[in-house]
Amino acid sequence: MNNPMLAAVRTLLKETFDGPEENASWYTEAKPGSGLFGTLETLSSEDASIPVNGTTIAAQTDHTRYYLWVANSYLNGEEPRKDWEASWKITNVDQLTWAQYKGELQQEYTSLLKTIDSLDSLDEQTSNGLLGAVAHSAYHLGSIRQMVKAINVPSQT
């Protein structure tokens, strides 16, 4: 990748979702498993369904997936029909649904990385969309990690 901004966005997204590489970090906790996927992997469907301040980790997870879907749609030249409230209505999930939400989040994340890899240059709109995806995803990572503390799930990090 020859574009330094695209490389930086990719690096920060990878840290947000996959966690930092080799115990070094730009902004997350510099420990294995501290990215979004590592954090979610420690949680059962029951944990993900515990309400904390009016929402659940399951809802936070699906909202993050939804946001990435919207970002991917715009980056691919589509105008998605949005329903931001839908993801926040999630309360209880069973094991199958929880696995599905995590899998769909992984798919949208992978799709976003592929889109970034296909870009050669950035205009202002695309730059804002990509930087927004980093910021929005990092915000929800922080929210979920605080929720994990609130429900007293033992952390591997």
Protein backbone atom coordinates (compact mmCIF):
# COMPACT_ATOMS: atom_id res chain seq x y z
CA MET A 1 0.00 0.00 0.00
CA ASN A 2 1.58 3.24 -1.17
CA ASN A 3 -0.81 5.69 0.47
CA PRO A 4 0.33 6.50 4.02
CA MET A 5 -3.15 7.59 5.16
CA LEU A 6 -4.74 4.35 3.95
CA ALA A 7 -1.96 2.37 5.63
CA ALA A 8 -2.55 4.26 8.89
CA VAL A 9 -6.31 3.71 8.76
CA ARG A 10 -5.76 -0.01 8.15
CA THR A 11 -3.28 -0.22 11.05
CA LEU A 12 -5.66 1.51 13.47
CA LEU A 13 -8.65 -0.56 12.38
CA LYS A 14 -6.62 -3.74 12.85
CA GLU A 15 -5.62 -2.62 16.34
CA THR A 16 -9.24 -1.82 17.18
CA PHE A 17 -10.58 -5.17 16.01
CA ASP A 18 -7.68 -7.63 16.14
CA GLY A 19 -5.74 -5.97 18.95
CA PRO A 20 -2.24 -4.56 18.97
CA GLU A 21 0.65 -6.34 17.32
CA GLU A 22 3.59 -7.61 19.38
CA ASN A 23 2.58 -5.89 22.64
CA ALA A 24 2.85 -2.43 21.07
CA SER A 25 -0.10 -0.14 20.68
CA TRP A 26 -1.11 3.18 19.17
CA TYR A 27 -4.06 3.63 21.53
CA THR A 28 -5.43 0.38 22.97
CA GLU A 29 -4.12 -1.60 25.88
CA ALA A 30 -0.88 -3.18 24.66
CA LYS A 31 -1.86 -6.73 25.59
CA PRO A 32 -3.04 -9.69 23.53
CA GLY A 33 -6.82 -9.96 23.32
CA SER A 34 -7.48 -6.27 23.98
CA GLY A 35 -9.04 -5.61 20.58
CA LEU A 36 -12.74 -6.00 19.94
CA PHE A 37 -12.61 -9.62 18.78
CA GLY A 38 -10.45 -10.70 21.72
CA THR A 39 -12.76 -8.91 24.13
CA LEU A 40 -15.91 -10.45 22.65
CA GLU A 41 -14.37 -13.92 22.61
CA THR A 42 -14.25 -13.92 26.43
CA LEU A 43 -18.01 -13.34 26.68
CA SER A 44 -20.84 -15.84 26.75
CA SER A 45 -24.23 -15.11 25.23
CA GLU A 46 -25.49 -14.61 28.79
CA ASP A 47 -22.78 -12.00 29.45
CA ALA A 48 -23.61 -10.25 26.18
CA SER A 49 -27.27 -10.04 27.25
CA ILE A 50 -26.75 -8.33 30.63
CA PRO A 51 -28.11 -4.77 30.50
CA VAL A 52 -25.65 -2.03 31.44
CA ASN A 53 -26.86 1.57 31.41
CA GLY A 54 -29.73 0.81 29.07
CA THR A 55 -27.97 -1.36 26.51
CA THR A 56 -26.21 -4.71 26.15
CA ILE A 57 -22.87 -5.83 24.77
CA ALA A 58 -24.85 -7.73 22.13
CA ALA A 59 -26.46 -4.46 21.02
CA GLN A 60 -23.10 -2.65 21.03
CA THR A 61 -21.64 -5.46 18.93
CA ASP A 62 -24.45 -5.45 16.38
CA HIS A 63 -24.43 -1.66 16.21
CA THR A 64 -20.71 -1.76 15.40
CA ARG A 65 -21.40 -4.34 12.70
CA TYR A 66 -24.20 -2.17 11.34
CA TYR A 67 -21.99 0.92 11.28
CA LEU A 68 -19.33 -0.98 9.32
CA TRP A 69 -22.01 -2.20 6.89
CA VAL A 70 -23.11 1.40 6.31
CA ALA A 71 -19.50 2.53 5.83
CA ASN A 72 -18.84 -0.35 3.41
CA SER A 73 -21.98 0.52 1.47
CA TYR A 74 -20.97 4.15 1.03
CA LEU A 75 -17.38 3.22 0.11
CA ASN A 76 -18.77 0.90 -2.57
CA GLY A 77 -20.88 3.68 -4.06
CA GLU A 78 -24.19 2.51 -2.61
CA GLU A 79 -26.78 4.53 -0.71
CA PRO A 80 -27.91 2.19 2.11
CA ARG A 81 -31.32 2.43 3.66
CA LYS A 82 -30.48 3.06 7.30
CA ASP A 83 -32.30 2.12 10.50
CA TRP A 84 -29.87 3.09 13.28
CA GLU A 85 -32.33 2.23 16.04
CA ALA A 86 -32.70 -1.42 15.06
CA SER A 87 -29.36 -2.56 16.47
CA TRP A 88 -30.02 -0.90 19.82
CA LYS A 89 -33.19 -2.94 20.40
CA ILE A 90 -31.20 -6.14 20.99
CA THR A 91 -31.48 -7.39 24.54
CA ASN A 92 -31.13 -11.14 24.94
CA VAL A 93 -29.13 -13.41 22.66
CA ASP A 94 -28.67 -17.16 22.74
CA GLN A 95 -25.39 -18.91 21.86
CA LEU A 96 -26.25 -19.26 18.19
CA THR A 97 -27.33 -15.64 17.78
CA TRP A 98 -24.29 -14.39 19.71
CA ALA A 99 -21.99 -16.41 17.44
CA GLN A 100 -23.86 -15.03 14.41
CA TYR A 101 -23.42 -11.41 15.56
CA LYS A 102 -19.70 -11.91 16.12
CA GLY A 103 -19.35 -13.64 12.73
CA GLU A 104 -21.22 -10.88 10.91
CA LEU A 105 -19.05 -8.25 12.61
CA GLN A 106 -15.96 -10.14 11.42
CA GLN A 107 -17.37 -10.23 7.86
CA GLU A 108 -18.03 -6.48 7.75
CA TYR A 109 -14.59 -5.76 9.19
CA THR A 110 -12.91 -8.03 6.63
CA SER A 111 -14.93 -6.39 3.86
CA LEU A 112 -13.81 -2.94 5.02
CA LEU A 113 -10.15 -4.00 5.00
CA LYS A 114 -10.57 -5.35 1.44
CA THR A 115 -12.14 -2.07 0.36
CA ILE A 116 -9.28 -0.11 1.91
CA ASP A 117 -6.79 -2.35 0.10
CA SER A 118 -8.54 -1.62 -3.21
CA LEU A 119 -8.26 2.17 -2.85
CA ASP A 120 -5.45 4.10 -4.51
CA SER A 121 -6.29 7.59 -3.37
CA LEU A 122 -8.59 9.42 -1.01
CA ASP A 123 -10.99 12.28 -1.47
CA GLU A 124 -12.34 14.22 1.49
CA GLN A 125 -15.57 12.21 1.73
CA THR A 126 -13.77 8.86 1.72
CA SER A 127 -11.19 10.15 4.22
CA ASN A 128 -13.94 11.28 6.57
CA GLY A 129 -15.72 7.94 6.20
CA LEU A 130 -12.62 5.90 6.96
CA LEU A 131 -11.49 8.06 9.87
CA GLY A 132 -15.06 7.96 11.17
CA ALA A 133 -14.99 4.15 11.01
CA VAL A 134 -11.82 4.11 13.12
CA ALA A 135 -13.20 6.57 15.67
CA HIS A 136 -16.65 4.99 15.87
CA SER A 137 -15.27 1.48 16.22
CA ALA A 138 -12.75 2.57 18.86
CA TYR A 139 -15.54 4.27 20.79
CA HIS A 140 -17.57 1.05 20.87
CA LEU A 141 -14.51 -1.00 21.81
CA GLY A 142 -14.07 1.29 24.82
CA SER A 143 -17.77 1.09 25.67
CA ILE A 144 -17.77 -2.69 25.51
CA ARG A 145 -14.61 -2.98 27.60
CA GLN A 146 -16.19 -0.76 30.27
CA MET A 147 -19.37 -2.85 30.16
CA VAL A 148 -17.28 -6.00 30.67
CA LYS A 149 -15.88 -4.43 33.84
CA ALA A 150 -19.38 -3.48 34.98
CA ILE A 151 -20.68 -7.03 34.67
CA ASN A 152 -17.52 -8.40 36.34
CA VAL A 153 -16.47 -10.82 33.61
CA PRO A 154 -12.95 -12.05 34.30
CA SER A 155 -10.66 -10.65 31.62
CA GLN A 156 -7.86 -12.50 29.89
CA THR A 157 -6.04 -9.22 29.35
